[in-house]
PDB file of all heavy atoms in Angstrom:
ATOM      1  N   ALA A   1       0.816  -1.217   0.000  1.00  0.00           N
ATOM      2  CA  ALA A   1       0.000   0.000   0.000  1.00  0.00           C
ATOM      3  C   ALA A   1       0.845   1.260   0.000  1.00  0.00           C
ATOM      4  O   ALA A   1       0.548   2.230  -0.712  1.00  0.00           O
ATOM      5  CB  ALA A   1      -0.952   0.003   1.199  1.00  0.00           C
ATOM      6  N   VAL A   2       1.906   1.248   0.804  1.00  0.00           N
ATOM      7  CA  VAL A   2       2.725   2.459   0.903  1.00  0.00           C
ATOM      8  C   VAL A   2       3.363   2.819  -0.434  1.00  0.00           C
ATOM      9  O   VAL A   2       3.303   3.983  -0.870  1.00  0.00           O
ATOM     10  CB  VAL A   2       3.787   2.291   2.008  1.00  0.00           C
ATOM     11  CG1 VAL A   2       4.765   3.471   1.997  1.00  0.00           C
ATOM     12  CG2 VAL A   2       3.118   2.194   3.375  1.00  0.00           C
ATOM     13  N   PRO A   3       3.974   1.870  -1.164  1.00  0.00           N
ATOM     14  CA  PRO A   3       4.516   2.247  -2.489  1.00  0.00           C
ATOM     15  C   PRO A   3       3.450   2.757  -3.451  1.00  0.00           C
ATOM     16  O   PRO A   3       3.690   3.679  -4.231  1.00  0.00           O
ATOM     17  CB  PRO A   3       5.132   0.933  -2.993  1.00  0.00           C
ATOM     18  CG  PRO A   3       5.445   0.160  -1.763  1.00  0.00           C
ATOM     19  CD  PRO A   3       4.331   0.483  -0.804  1.00  0.00           C
ATOM     20  N   ILE A   4       2.237   2.139  -3.365  1.00  0.00           N
ATOM     21  CA  ILE A   4       1.158   2.607  -4.251  1.00  0.00           C
ATOM     22  C   ILE A   4       0.772   4.031  -3.919  1.00  0.00           C
ATOM     23  O   ILE A   4       0.549   4.872  -4.811  1.00  0.00           O
ATOM     24  CB  ILE A   4      -0.060   1.661  -4.146  1.00  0.00           C
ATOM     25  CG1 ILE A   4       0.282   0.294  -4.737  1.00  0.00           C
ATOM     26  CG2 ILE A   4      -1.264   2.262  -4.866  1.00  0.00           C
ATOM     27  CD1 ILE A   4      -0.824  -0.732  -4.586  1.00  0.00           C
ATOM     28  N   LEU A   5       0.690   4.328  -2.607  1.00  0.00           N
ATOM     29  CA  LEU A   5       0.361   5.695  -2.202  1.00  0.00           C
ATOM     30  C   LEU A   5       1.439   6.667  -2.654  1.00  0.00           C
ATOM     31  O   LEU A   5       1.139   7.789  -3.084  1.00  0.00           O
ATOM     32  CB  LEU A   5       0.189   5.762  -0.677  1.00  0.00           C
ATOM     33  CG  LEU A   5      -1.046   5.045  -0.107  1.00  0.00           C
ATOM     34  CD1 LEU A   5      -1.045   5.114   1.410  1.00  0.00           C
ATOM     35  CD2 LEU A   5      -2.322   5.675  -0.667  1.00  0.00           C
ATOM     36  N   TYR A   6       2.690   6.243  -2.552  1.00  0.00           N
ATOM     37  CA  TYR A   6       3.776   7.088  -3.042  1.00  0.00           C
ATOM     38  C   TYR A   6       3.656   7.327  -4.544  1.00  0.00           C
ATOM     39  O   TYR A   6       3.884   8.442  -5.035  1.00  0.00           O
ATOM     40  CB  TYR A   6       5.132   6.449  -2.713  1.00  0.00           C
ATOM     41  CG  TYR A   6       5.632   6.748  -1.324  1.00  0.00           C
ATOM     42  CD1 TYR A   6       5.909   5.713  -0.424  1.00  0.00           C
ATOM     43  CD2 TYR A   6       5.834   8.068  -0.908  1.00  0.00           C
ATOM     44  CE1 TYR A   6       6.363   5.981   0.859  1.00  0.00           C
ATOM     45  CE2 TYR A   6       6.288   8.350   0.363  1.00  0.00           C
ATOM     46  CZ  TYR A   6       6.542   7.302   1.250  1.00  0.00           C
ATOM     47  OH  TYR A   6       6.991   7.587   2.513  1.00  0.00           O
ATOM     48  N   GLU A   7       3.297   6.259  -5.271  1.00  0.00           N
ATOM     49  CA  GLU A   7       3.144   6.401  -6.721  1.00  0.00           C
ATOM     50  C   GLU A   7       1.996   7.350  -7.062  1.00  0.00           C
ATOM     51  O   GLU A   7       2.131   8.204  -7.949  1.00  0.00           O
ATOM     52  CB  GLU A   7       2.904   5.024  -7.345  1.00  0.00           C
ATOM     53  CG  GLU A   7       4.124   4.120  -7.333  1.00  0.00           C
ATOM     54  CD  GLU A   7       3.820   2.759  -7.897  1.00  0.00           C
ATOM     55  OE1 GLU A   7       2.631   2.505  -8.218  1.00  0.00           O
ATOM     56  OE2 GLU A   7       4.742   1.927  -8.017  1.00  0.00           O
ATOM     57  N   ILE A   8       0.881   7.196  -6.358  1.00  0.00           N
ATOM     58  CA  ILE A   8      -0.261   8.077  -6.618  1.00  0.00           C
ATOM     59  C   ILE A   8       0.084   9.523  -6.285  1.00  0.00           C
ATOM     60  O   ILE A   8      -0.212  10.453  -7.051  1.00  0.00           O
ATOM     61  CB  ILE A   8      -1.488   7.614  -5.807  1.00  0.00           C
ATOM     62  CG1 ILE A   8      -1.959   6.243  -6.303  1.00  0.00           C
ATOM     63  CG2 ILE A   8      -2.619   8.630  -5.909  1.00  0.00           C
ATOM     64  CD1 ILE A   8      -3.093   5.655  -5.485  1.00  0.00           C
ATOM     65  N   GLY A   9       0.739   9.714  -5.116  1.00  0.00           N
ATOM     66  CA  GLY A   9       1.133  11.074  -4.736  1.00  0.00           C
ATOM     67  C   GLY A   9       2.119  11.673  -5.725  1.00  0.00           C
ATOM     68  O   GLY A   9       2.011  12.854  -6.094  1.00  0.00           O
ATOM     69  N   GLY A  10       3.096  10.837  -6.167  1.00  0.00           N
ATOM     70  CA  GLY A  10       4.064  11.330  -7.152  1.00  0.00           C
ATOM     71  C   GLY A  10       3.422  11.666  -8.479  1.00  0.00           C
ATOM     72  O   GLY A  10       3.774  12.661  -9.130  1.00  0.00           O
ATOM     73  N   ALA A  11       2.436  10.845  -8.893  1.00  0.00           N
ATOM     74  CA  ALA A  11       1.745  11.097 -10.155  1.00  0.00           C
ATOM     75  C   ALA A  11       0.936  12.400 -10.087  1.00  0.00           C
ATOM     76  O   ALA A  11       0.942  13.203 -11.028  1.00  0.00           O
ATOM     77  CB  ALA A  11       0.835   9.925 -10.491  1.00  0.00           C
ATOM     78  N   ILE A  12       0.241  12.613  -8.959  1.00  0.00           N
ATOM     79  CA  ILE A  12      -0.531  13.853  -8.795  1.00  0.00           C
ATOM     80  C   ILE A  12       0.385  15.060  -8.787  1.00  0.00           C
ATOM     81  O   ILE A  12       0.109  16.087  -9.441  1.00  0.00           O
ATOM     82  CB  ILE A  12      -1.370  13.788  -7.505  1.00  0.00           C
ATOM     83  CG1 ILE A  12      -2.432  12.692  -7.607  1.00  0.00           C
ATOM     84  CG2 ILE A  12      -2.019  15.141  -7.208  1.00  0.00           C
ATOM     85  CD1 ILE A  12      -3.221  12.469  -6.341  1.00  0.00           C
ATOM     86  N   LEU A  13       1.499  14.949  -8.051  1.00  0.00           N
ATOM     87  CA  LEU A  13       2.452  16.060  -7.999  1.00  0.00           C
ATOM     88  C   LEU A  13       3.045  16.344  -9.377  1.00  0.00           C
ATOM     89  O   LEU A  13       3.159  17.511  -9.795  1.00  0.00           O
ATOM     90  CB  LEU A  13       3.564  15.740  -6.998  1.00  0.00           C
ATOM     91  CG  LEU A  13       4.643  16.818  -6.818  1.00  0.00           C
ATOM     92  CD1 LEU A  13       4.023  18.112  -6.289  1.00  0.00           C
ATOM     93  CD2 LEU A  13       5.744  16.319  -5.885  1.00  0.00           C
ATOM     94  N   LEU A  14       3.388  15.290 -10.112  1.00  0.00           N
ATOM     95  CA  LEU A  14       3.939  15.468 -11.451  1.00  0.00           C
ATOM     96  C   LEU A  14       2.918  16.104 -12.385  1.00  0.00           C
ATOM     97  O   LEU A  14       3.264  16.986 -13.190  1.00  0.00           O
ATOM     98  CB  LEU A  14       4.391  14.115 -12.008  1.00  0.00           C
ATOM     99  CG  LEU A  14       4.956  14.125 -13.442  1.00  0.00           C
ATOM    100  CD1 LEU A  14       6.191  15.024 -13.520  1.00  0.00           C
ATOM    101  CD2 LEU A  14       5.291  12.707 -13.896  1.00  0.00           C
ATOM    102  N   TRP A  15       1.669  15.688 -12.268  1.00  0.00           N
ATOM    103  CA  TRP A  15       0.629  16.254 -13.134  1.00  0.00           C
ATOM    104  C   TRP A  15       0.435  17.740 -12.851  1.00  0.00           C
ATOM    105  O   TRP A  15       0.352  18.544 -13.785  1.00  0.00           O
ATOM    106  CB  TRP A  15      -0.678  15.499 -12.938  1.00  0.00           C
ATOM    107  CG  TRP A  15      -1.810  16.067 -13.730  1.00  0.00           C
ATOM    108  CD1 TRP A  15      -2.799  16.896 -13.292  1.00  0.00           C
ATOM    109  CD2 TRP A  15      -2.054  15.863 -15.128  1.00  0.00           C
ATOM    110  NE1 TRP A  15      -3.654  17.226 -14.309  1.00  0.00           N
ATOM    111  CE2 TRP A  15      -3.226  16.603 -15.462  1.00  0.00           C
ATOM    112  CE3 TRP A  15      -1.428  15.128 -16.126  1.00  0.00           C
ATOM    113  CZ2 TRP A  15      -3.756  16.624 -16.740  1.00  0.00           C
ATOM    114  CZ3 TRP A  15      -1.959  15.151 -17.407  1.00  0.00           C
ATOM    115  CH2 TRP A  15      -3.099  15.888 -17.707  1.00  0.00           C
ATOM    116  N   VAL A  16       0.354  18.106 -11.559  1.00  0.00           N
ATOM    117  CA  VAL A  16       0.143  19.513 -11.204  1.00  0.00           C
ATOM    118  C   VAL A  16       1.314  20.368 -11.654  1.00  0.00           C
ATOM    119  O   VAL A  16       1.146  21.421 -12.293  1.00  0.00           O
ATOM    120  CB  VAL A  16      -0.091  19.647  -9.686  1.00  0.00           C
ATOM    121  CG1 VAL A  16      -0.129  21.127  -9.283  1.00  0.00           C
ATOM    122  CG2 VAL A  16      -1.379  18.960  -9.272  1.00  0.00           C
ATOM    123  N   VAL A  17       2.524  19.907 -11.335  1.00  0.00           N
ATOM    124  CA  VAL A  17       3.716  20.670 -11.733  1.00  0.00           C
ATOM    125  C   VAL A  17       3.830  20.719 -13.256  1.00  0.00           C
ATOM    126  O   VAL A  17       4.172  21.757 -13.840  1.00  0.00           O
ATOM    127  CB  VAL A  17       4.981  20.053 -11.108  1.00  0.00           C
ATOM    128  CG1 VAL A  17       6.243  20.739 -11.629  1.00  0.00           C
ATOM    129  CG2 VAL A  17       4.924  20.155  -9.588  1.00  0.00           C
ATOM    130  N   GLY A  18       3.523  19.589 -13.914  1.00  0.00           N
ATOM    131  CA  GLY A  18       3.601  19.554 -15.371  1.00  0.00           C
ATOM    132  C   GLY A  18       2.641  20.529 -16.020  1.00  0.00           C
ATOM    133  O   GLY A  18       3.001  21.215 -16.988  1.00  0.00           O
ATOM    134  N   ARG A  19       1.407  20.625 -15.505  1.00  0.00           N
ATOM    135  CA  ARG A  19       0.440  21.569 -16.074  1.00  0.00           C
ATOM    136  C   ARG A  19       0.898  23.009 -15.879  1.00  0.00           C
ATOM    137  O   ARG A  19       0.710  23.861 -16.758  1.00  0.00           O
ATOM    138  CB  ARG A  19      -0.932  21.362 -15.423  1.00  0.00           C
ATOM    139  CG  ARG A  19      -1.585  20.029 -15.744  1.00  0.00           C
ATOM    140  CD  ARG A  19      -1.769  19.822 -17.231  1.00  0.00           C
ATOM    141  NE  ARG A  19      -2.580  20.878 -17.833  1.00  0.00           N
ATOM    142  CZ  ARG A  19      -2.773  21.027 -19.123  1.00  0.00           C
ATOM    143  NH1 ARG A  19      -2.185  20.201 -19.972  1.00  0.00           N
ATOM    144  NH2 ARG A  19      -3.530  21.999 -19.593  1.00  0.00           N
ATOM    145  N   ILE A  20       1.500  23.287 -14.732  1.00  0.00           N
ATOM    146  CA  ILE A  20       2.023  24.636 -14.490  1.00  0.00           C
ATOM    147  C   ILE A  20       3.144  24.954 -15.476  1.00  0.00           C
ATOM    148  O   ILE A  20       3.216  26.051 -16.051  1.00  0.00           O
ATOM    149  CB  ILE A  20       2.507  24.775 -13.038  1.00  0.00           C
ATOM    150  CG1 ILE A  20       1.316  24.642 -12.068  1.00  0.00           C
ATOM    151  CG2 ILE A  20       3.216  26.107 -12.829  1.00  0.00           C
ATOM    152  CD1 ILE A  20       1.716  24.626 -10.615  1.00  0.00           C
ATOM    153  N   VAL A  21       4.033  23.969 -15.678  1.00  0.00           N
ATOM    154  CA  VAL A  21       5.152  24.173 -16.610  1.00  0.00           C
ATOM    155  C   VAL A  21       4.639  24.350 -18.033  1.00  0.00           C
ATOM    156  O   VAL A  21       5.119  25.215 -18.786  1.00  0.00           O
ATOM    157  CB  VAL A  21       6.140  22.988 -16.523  1.00  0.00           C
ATOM    158  CG1 VAL A  21       7.198  23.092 -17.616  1.00  0.00           C
ATOM    159  CG2 VAL A  21       6.796  22.955 -15.154  1.00  0.00           C
ATOM    160  N   ILE A  22       3.646  23.538 -18.434  1.00  0.00           N
ATOM    161  CA  ILE A  22       3.081  23.665 -19.780  1.00  0.00           C
ATOM    162  C   ILE A  22       2.462  25.043 -19.978  1.00  0.00           C
ATOM    163  O   ILE A  22       2.626  25.681 -21.026  1.00  0.00           O
ATOM    164  CB  ILE A  22       2.040  22.551 -20.032  1.00  0.00           C
ATOM    165  CG1 ILE A  22       2.736  21.191 -20.137  1.00  0.00           C
ATOM    166  CG2 ILE A  22       1.234  22.831 -21.305  1.00  0.00           C
ATOM    167  CD1 ILE A  22       1.777  20.021 -20.240  1.00  0.00           C
ATOM    168  N   GLY A  23       1.735  25.525 -18.964  1.00  0.00           N
ATOM    169  CA  GLY A  23       1.161  26.863 -19.048  1.00  0.00           C
ATOM    170  C   GLY A  23       2.223  27.938 -19.185  1.00  0.00           C
ATOM    171  O   GLY A  23       2.079  28.889 -19.969  1.00  0.00           O
ATOM    172  N   ALA A  24       3.329  27.780 -18.428  1.00  0.00           N
ATOM    173  CA  ALA A  24       4.407  28.761 -18.514  1.00  0.00           C
ATOM    174  C   ALA A  24       5.083  28.714 -19.883  1.00  0.00           C
ATOM    175  O   ALA A  24       5.412  29.753 -20.468  1.00  0.00           O
ATOM    176  CB  ALA A  24       5.430  28.490 -17.409  1.00  0.00           C
ATOM    177  N   ILE A  25       5.273  27.501 -20.426  1.00  0.00           N
ATOM    178  CA  ILE A  25       5.880  27.365 -21.755  1.00  0.00           C
ATOM    179  C   ILE A  25       4.973  27.983 -22.814  1.00  0.00           C
ATOM    180  O   ILE A  25       5.441  28.682 -23.723  1.00  0.00           O
ATOM    181  CB  ILE A  25       6.161  25.889 -22.066  1.00  0.00           C
ATOM    182  CG1 ILE A  25       7.255  25.344 -21.145  1.00  0.00           C
ATOM    183  CG2 ILE A  25       6.563  25.708 -23.525  1.00  0.00           C
ATOM    184  CD1 ILE A  25       7.510  23.863 -21.304  1.00  0.00           C
ATOM    185  N   ARG A  26       3.677  27.758 -22.675  1.00  0.00           N
ATOM    186  CA  ARG A  26       2.736  28.310 -23.651  1.00  0.00           C
ATOM    187  C   ARG A  26       2.761  29.834 -23.625  1.00  0.00           C
ATOM    188  O   ARG A  26       2.762  30.485 -24.675  1.00  0.00           O
ATOM    189  CB  ARG A  26       1.326  27.798 -23.359  1.00  0.00           C
ATOM    190  CG  ARG A  26       0.301  28.235 -24.390  1.00  0.00           C
ATOM    191  CD  ARG A  26      -1.015  27.511 -24.205  1.00  0.00           C
ATOM    192  NE  ARG A  26      -1.985  27.921 -25.215  1.00  0.00           N
ATOM    193  CZ  ARG A  26      -3.162  27.360 -25.380  1.00  0.00           C
ATOM    194  NH1 ARG A  26      -3.525  26.353 -24.599  1.00  0.00           N
ATOM    195  NH2 ARG A  26      -3.989  27.781 -26.325  1.00  0.00           N
ATOM    196  N   ARG A  27       2.791  30.399 -22.435  1.00  0.00           N
ATOM    197  CA  ARG A  27       2.868  31.863 -22.337  1.00  0.00           C
ATOM    198  C   ARG A  27       4.190  32.377 -22.882  1.00  0.00           C
ATOM    199  O   ARG A  27       4.243  33.425 -23.543  1.00  0.00           O
ATOM    200  CB  ARG A  27       2.680  32.296 -20.886  1.00  0.00           C
ATOM    201  CG  ARG A  27       1.251  32.128 -20.375  1.00  0.00           C
ATOM    202  CD  ARG A  27       1.073  32.805 -19.027  1.00  0.00           C
ATOM    203  NE  ARG A  27       1.894  32.174 -18.009  1.00  0.00           N
ATOM    204  CZ  ARG A  27       1.498  31.155 -17.255  1.00  0.00           C
ATOM    205  NH1 ARG A  27       0.280  30.647 -17.414  1.00  0.00           N
ATOM    206  NH2 ARG A  27       2.290  30.639 -16.338  1.00  0.00           N
ATOM    207  N   GLY A  28       5.271  31.641 -22.605  1.00  0.00           N
ATOM    208  CA  GLY A  28       6.574  32.055 -23.131  1.00  0.00           C
ATOM    209  C   GLY A  28       6.626  32.024 -24.641  1.00  0.00           C
ATOM    210  O   GLY A  28       7.190  32.923 -25.278  1.00  0.00           O
ATOM    211  N   VAL A  29       6.027  30.971 -25.240  1.00  0.00           N
ATOM    212  CA  VAL A  29       5.967  30.886 -26.701  1.00  0.00           C
ATOM    213  C   VAL A  29       5.156  32.040 -27.269  1.00  0.00           C
ATOM    214  O   VAL A  29       5.544  32.664 -28.278  1.00  0.00           O
ATOM    215  CB  VAL A  29       5.358  29.530 -27.125  1.00  0.00           C
ATOM    216  CG1 VAL A  29       5.049  29.516 -28.619  1.00  0.00           C
ATOM    217  CG2 VAL A  29       6.306  28.393 -26.778  1.00  0.00           C
ATOM    218  N   HIS A  30       4.044  32.350 -26.619  1.00  0.00           N
ATOM    219  CA  HIS A  30       3.197  33.454 -27.088  1.00  0.00           C
ATOM    220  C   HIS A  30       3.953  34.781 -27.065  1.00  0.00           C
ATOM    221  O   HIS A  30       3.938  35.541 -28.042  1.00  0.00           O
ATOM    222  CB  HIS A  30       1.954  33.542 -26.204  1.00  0.00           C
ATOM    223  CG  HIS A  30       0.994  34.613 -26.629  1.00  0.00           C
ATOM    224  ND1 HIS A  30       0.018  34.396 -27.570  1.00  0.00           N
ATOM    225  CD2 HIS A  30       0.878  35.925 -26.253  1.00  0.00           C
ATOM    226  CE1 HIS A  30      -0.665  35.507 -27.750  1.00  0.00           C
ATOM    227  NE2 HIS A  30      -0.167  36.450 -26.965  1.00  0.00           N
ATOM    228  N   ILE A  31       4.633  35.060 -25.953  1.00  0.00           N
ATOM    229  CA  ILE A  31       5.373  36.326 -25.838  1.00  0.00           C
ATOM    230  C   ILE A  31       6.515  36.379 -26.844  1.00  0.00           C
ATOM    231  O   ILE A  31       6.757  37.407 -27.492  1.00  0.00           O
ATOM    232  CB  ILE A  31       5.907  36.495 -24.399  1.00  0.00           C
ATOM    233  CG1 ILE A  31       4.732  36.641 -23.420  1.00  0.00           C
ATOM    234  CG2 ILE A  31       6.828  37.703 -24.297  1.00  0.00           C
ATOM    235  CD1 ILE A  31       5.143  36.637 -21.963  1.00  0.00           C
ATOM    236  N   SER A  32       7.214  35.233 -26.999  1.00  0.00           N
ATOM    237  CA  SER A  32       8.350  35.202 -27.929  1.00  0.00           C
ATOM    238  C   SER A  32       7.907  35.430 -29.368  1.00  0.00           C
ATOM    239  O   SER A  32       8.534  36.199 -30.113  1.00  0.00           O
ATOM    240  CB  SER A  32       9.069  33.858 -27.813  1.00  0.00           C
ATOM    241  OG  SER A  32      10.130  33.757 -28.738  1.00  0.00           O
ATOM    242  N   LEU A  33       6.817  34.811 -29.772  1.00  0.00           N
ATOM    243  CA  LEU A  33       6.331  34.976 -31.144  1.00  0.00           C
ATOM    244  C   LEU A  33       5.767  36.375 -31.369  1.00  0.00           C
ATOM    245  O   LEU A  33       5.891  36.926 -32.469  1.00  0.00           O
ATOM    246  CB  LEU A  33       5.273  33.924 -31.452  1.00  0.00           C
ATOM    247  CG  LEU A  33       5.755  32.462 -31.464  1.00  0.00           C
ATOM    248  CD1 LEU A  33       4.601  31.515 -31.740  1.00  0.00           C
ATOM    249  CD2 LEU A  33       6.860  32.268 -32.501  1.00  0.00           C
ATOM    250  N   GLU A  34       5.139  36.940 -30.358  1.00  0.00           N
ATOM    251  CA  GLU A  34       4.636  38.313 -30.486  1.00  0.00           C
ATOM    252  C   GLU A  34       5.782  39.295 -30.662  1.00  0.00           C
ATOM    253  O   GLU A  34       5.675  40.257 -31.438  1.00  0.00           O
ATOM    254  CB  GLU A  34       3.803  38.689 -29.261  1.00  0.00           C
ATOM    255  CG  GLU A  34       2.339  38.310 -29.351  1.00  0.00           C
ATOM    256  CD  GLU A  34       1.516  38.959 -28.275  1.00  0.00           C
ATOM    257  OE1 GLU A  34       2.086  39.404 -27.248  1.00  0.00           O
ATOM    258  OE2 GLU A  34       0.280  39.036 -28.440  1.00  0.00           O
TER     259      GLU A  34
END
């Protein structure tokens, strides 16, 4: 159970951080192209 909980927590953390990074990259691309 503990490794599974770690995996779930790591997956949630990766998803949240990944979405933030994707949003920042998208804004950076927009500013750079403008």
